[in-house]
N, C-alpha and C. Protein backbone atom coordinates (compact mmCIF):
# COMPACT_ATOMS: atom_id res chain seq x y z
N MET A 1 0.73 -1.38 0.24
CA MET A 1 -0.35 0.38 -0.04
C MET A 1 0.91 1.56 0.23
N SER A 2 0.59 2.10 -0.88
CA SER A 2 1.38 3.60 -1.17
C SER A 2 0.76 4.51 -0.17
N PHE A 3 1.53 5.26 0.16
CA PHE A 3 1.09 6.34 1.26
C PHE A 3 0.35 7.05 1.08
N TRP A 4 0.58 7.49 -0.46
CA TRP A 4 -1.04 8.51 -0.89
C TRP A 4 -2.11 7.54 -1.53
N GLU A 5 -1.97 6.17 -1.53
CA GLU A 5 -3.30 5.69 -1.80
C GLU A 5 -4.01 6.43 -0.91
N HIS A 6 -5.12 6.54 -1.67
CA HIS A 6 -6.72 7.11 -0.82
C HIS A 6 -6.69 8.36 -1.10
N GLU A 7 -5.74 9.47 -1.23
CA GLU A 7 -5.48 10.73 -1.07
C GLU A 7 -5.73 11.11 -2.17
N THR A 8 -6.16 12.79 -2.09
CA THR A 8 -6.57 13.50 -3.15
C THR A 8 -6.32 14.99 -2.93
N CYS A 9 -5.78 15.24 -4.53
CA CYS A 9 -5.18 17.02 -4.54
C CYS A 9 -5.85 18.08 -3.93
N GLU A 10 -5.58 18.46 -2.78
CA GLU A 10 -6.21 19.80 -1.95
C GLU A 10 -6.64 20.86 -2.77
N TYR A 11 -5.90 20.93 -3.76
CA TYR A 11 -6.56 21.95 -5.26
C TYR A 11 -7.46 21.76 -5.86
N CYS A 12 -7.18 20.27 -6.89
CA CYS A 12 -8.08 19.81 -7.42
C CYS A 12 -9.13 18.47 -7.50
N GLY A 13 -8.69 17.90 -5.98
CA GLY A 13 -9.62 16.22 -5.99
C GLY A 13 -9.09 15.61 -6.44
N GLY A 14 -7.84 15.66 -7.76
CA GLY A 14 -8.01 14.68 -8.33
C GLY A 14 -6.78 13.57 -7.39
N ALA A 15 -7.06 12.38 -7.67
CA ALA A 15 -5.82 11.34 -7.10
C ALA A 15 -4.64 11.35 -7.07
N LEU A 16 -4.02 11.03 -5.80
CA LEU A 16 -2.34 11.55 -6.01
C LEU A 16 -1.65 9.74 -5.90
N VAL A 17 -0.67 9.64 -6.67
CA VAL A 17 -0.30 8.54 -7.33
C VAL A 17 1.09 8.54 -7.20
N GLU A 18 2.27 7.74 -6.08
CA GLU A 18 3.28 8.05 -5.55
C GLU A 18 4.47 7.77 -6.95
N LYS A 19 5.28 8.84 -6.75
CA LYS A 19 6.29 8.79 -8.12
C LYS A 19 7.55 9.51 -7.25
N ARG A 20 9.23 8.97 -8.15
CA ARG A 20 9.88 9.57 -7.76
C ARG A 20 10.27 11.14 -8.65
N VAL A 21 10.33 12.12 -8.01
CA VAL A 21 10.68 13.15 -8.23
C VAL A 21 12.64 13.67 -8.18
N THR A 22 12.56 14.57 -9.15
CA THR A 22 13.96 15.56 -9.19
C THR A 22 13.32 17.40 -8.22
N LEU A 23 13.85 17.05 -7.10
CA LEU A 23 13.76 18.67 -6.65
C LEU A 23 15.08 19.55 -6.84
N HIS A 24 14.48 20.93 -7.69
CA HIS A 24 15.51 22.06 -7.80
C HIS A 24 15.15 22.87 -6.64
N ARG A 25 16.60 23.46 -6.27
CA ARG A 25 16.57 23.92 -5.51
C ARG A 25 17.67 24.97 -5.21
N ILE A 26 18.08 26.37 -4.66
CA ILE A 26 19.34 26.80 -4.39
C ILE A 26 19.42 27.41 -3.38
N ALA A 27 20.75 26.27 -2.90
CA ALA A 27 21.31 26.86 -1.56
C ALA A 27 22.57 27.23 -1.41
N HIS A 28 22.52 28.11 -0.53
CA HIS A 28 24.34 28.71 -0.74
C HIS A 28 24.74 29.55 -2.05
N GLY A 29 23.48 30.36 -2.86
CA GLY A 29 24.11 30.90 -3.70
C GLY A 29 24.16 29.78 -4.81
N LYS A 30 24.15 28.40 -5.03
CA LYS A 30 24.41 27.61 -5.64
C LYS A 30 22.78 26.58 -6.40
N HIS A 31 22.98 26.21 -7.16
CA HIS A 31 21.38 25.72 -7.70
C HIS A 31 22.10 24.04 -7.56
N ILE A 32 21.34 23.52 -6.75
CA ILE A 32 21.45 21.85 -6.62
C ILE A 32 19.99 21.01 -6.85
N LEU A 33 20.33 19.77 -7.13
CA LEU A 33 19.10 19.16 -7.70
C LEU A 33 19.34 17.87 -6.80
N ILE A 34 18.18 17.66 -6.24
CA ILE A 34 17.80 15.84 -5.42
C ILE A 34 17.54 15.22 -6.10
N GLU A 35 17.63 14.05 -6.18
CA GLU A 35 16.94 13.36 -7.01
C GLU A 35 16.38 12.15 -6.66
N ASN A 36 15.31 11.42 -6.86
CA ASN A 36 14.69 10.25 -6.39
C ASN A 36 13.68 10.92 -5.05
N VAL A 37 13.21 11.55 -4.98
CA VAL A 37 12.24 12.07 -3.99
C VAL A 37 10.71 11.46 -4.28
N PRO A 38 10.67 11.14 -3.20
CA PRO A 38 8.76 10.18 -3.21
C PRO A 38 8.16 11.38 -3.06
N ALA A 39 7.35 11.58 -3.84
CA ALA A 39 6.21 12.51 -3.82
C ALA A 39 4.91 12.29 -4.00
N GLY A 40 4.02 12.31 -3.55
CA GLY A 40 2.47 12.11 -4.25
C GLY A 40 2.44 13.24 -5.27
N VAL A 41 2.00 12.78 -6.29
CA VAL A 41 1.60 13.16 -7.65
C VAL A 41 0.66 13.51 -8.14
N CYS A 42 -0.75 14.73 -8.14
CA CYS A 42 -1.93 14.60 -7.98
C CYS A 42 -1.78 14.25 -9.76
N THR A 43 -2.77 13.22 -10.63
CA THR A 43 -3.10 12.93 -11.63
C THR A 43 -3.76 13.49 -12.86
N LYS A 44 -4.42 14.69 -12.00
CA LYS A 44 -4.86 16.09 -13.09
C LYS A 44 -4.03 16.91 -13.36
N CYS A 45 -3.75 17.52 -11.88
CA CYS A 45 -3.00 18.78 -12.40
C CYS A 45 -1.14 18.98 -11.94
N GLY A 46 -0.91 17.96 -11.78
CA GLY A 46 0.36 17.41 -11.46
C GLY A 46 1.21 18.32 -10.35
N THR A 47 0.47 18.94 -9.33
CA THR A 47 1.05 19.02 -7.98
C THR A 47 1.51 18.27 -7.25
N LYS A 48 2.77 18.35 -6.64
CA LYS A 48 3.26 17.64 -5.78
C LYS A 48 3.11 17.87 -4.17
N PHE A 49 3.15 16.57 -3.73
CA PHE A 49 3.15 16.58 -2.40
C PHE A 49 3.97 16.05 -1.41
N TYR A 50 5.06 16.46 -0.54
CA TYR A 50 5.73 15.08 0.00
C TYR A 50 5.41 15.07 1.59
N ALA A 51 5.77 14.23 2.09
CA ALA A 51 5.51 13.67 3.36
C ALA A 51 6.67 14.54 4.38
N ALA A 52 6.02 14.46 5.62
CA ALA A 52 6.86 15.40 6.73
C ALA A 52 8.74 15.01 6.97
N ASN A 53 8.31 13.27 6.63
CA ASN A 53 9.99 12.87 6.55
C ASN A 53 10.65 12.91 5.98
N VAL A 54 9.98 13.14 4.26
CA VAL A 54 10.79 13.21 3.31
C VAL A 54 11.29 15.47 3.36
N LEU A 55 11.12 16.10 3.86
CA LEU A 55 11.22 17.09 3.32
C LEU A 55 11.92 17.40 4.40
N LYS A 56 12.15 16.65 5.91
CA LYS A 56 13.28 16.60 6.86
C LYS A 56 14.43 16.17 5.75
N MET A 57 14.13 15.10 5.59
CA MET A 57 16.08 14.53 4.78
C MET A 57 15.87 15.66 3.49
N VAL A 58 15.24 16.55 2.66
CA VAL A 58 15.32 17.13 1.49
C VAL A 58 16.42 18.30 2.40
N ALA A 59 16.19 19.16 3.56
CA ALA A 59 16.68 20.23 4.24
C ALA A 59 17.91 20.08 4.73
N GLU A 60 18.05 18.69 5.54
CA GLU A 60 19.81 17.96 5.35
C GLU A 60 20.57 17.88 4.64
N ARG A 61 20.06 17.41 3.05
CA ARG A 61 21.26 17.28 2.05
C ARG A 61 20.94 19.12 1.34
N VAL A 62 20.14 19.46 1.91
CA VAL A 62 20.30 21.58 0.79
C VAL A 62 20.88 21.56 2.22
N ARG A 63 21.08 21.37 3.42
CA ARG A 63 22.18 22.30 4.30
C ARG A 63 23.00 21.31 3.69
N GLY A 64 23.37 21.20 3.46
CA GLY A 64 25.02 20.26 3.06
C GLY A 64 25.56 19.18 4.26
N ARG A 65 25.07 18.76 4.82
CA ARG A 65 25.30 17.89 5.81
C ARG A 65 25.67 16.76 5.36
N ARG A 66 25.44 15.98 4.46
CA ARG A 66 25.95 15.07 3.61
C ARG A 66 26.68 15.63 2.37
N LYS A 67 27.53 14.64 2.06
CA LYS A 67 28.37 14.87 0.66
C LYS A 67 27.52 14.76 -0.89
N SER A 68 27.57 15.66 -1.47
CA SER A 68 26.64 15.27 -2.74
C SER A 68 27.57 13.74 -3.59
N GLU A 69 26.18 13.55 -4.33
CA GLU A 69 26.97 12.13 -4.70
C GLU A 69 27.57 12.39 -6.38
N ARG A 70 27.33 13.63 -6.35
CA ARG A 70 27.65 13.76 -7.56
C ARG A 70 27.34 15.24 -8.29
N GLU A 71 28.12 15.32 -9.13
CA GLU A 71 28.10 16.73 -9.71
C GLU A 71 27.65 17.23 -11.15
N VAL A 72 27.03 17.95 -11.90
CA VAL A 72 26.71 18.21 -12.96
C VAL A 72 26.99 19.69 -13.74
N ARG A 73 27.39 19.62 -15.22
CA ARG A 73 27.77 20.63 -15.55
C ARG A 73 26.40 21.48 -16.76
N VAL A 74 25.97 22.74 -15.90
CA VAL A 74 24.67 22.80 -16.67
C VAL A 74 24.79 24.50 -17.41
N PRO A 75 24.93 24.47 -18.69
CA PRO A 75 24.59 25.13 -19.92
C PRO A 75 23.94 26.46 -19.64
N VAL A 76 24.26 28.17 -19.26
CA VAL A 76 23.41 28.86 -19.37
C VAL A 76 23.06 30.05 -20.19
N TYR A 77 22.16 29.85 -20.67
CA TYR A 77 21.88 30.96 -21.90
C TYR A 77 21.51 32.35 -21.31
N SER A 78 21.35 32.97 -22.26
CA SER A 78 21.27 34.35 -21.44
C SER A 78 19.84 35.24 -23.14
N LEU A 79 19.07 35.67 -22.56
CA LEU A 79 18.12 36.25 -23.58
C LEU A 79 18.72 37.99 -23.92
């Protein structure tokens, strides 16, 4: 049984399904990615919901308490 089973979106009422997503954050002036984050994703509007324990783990990584697994270079464009 999924954590999100029988849960609905608070915005549109759509069903939530559990998926693994990538979060994009800025911490200490740097862009970071956190991969494989479990989230409840609305099947109608796509809104993502996170359990409290998941958000705590994300905060720990953003604060740099764990060493990153890898780094990637990102091209930057300007208009």
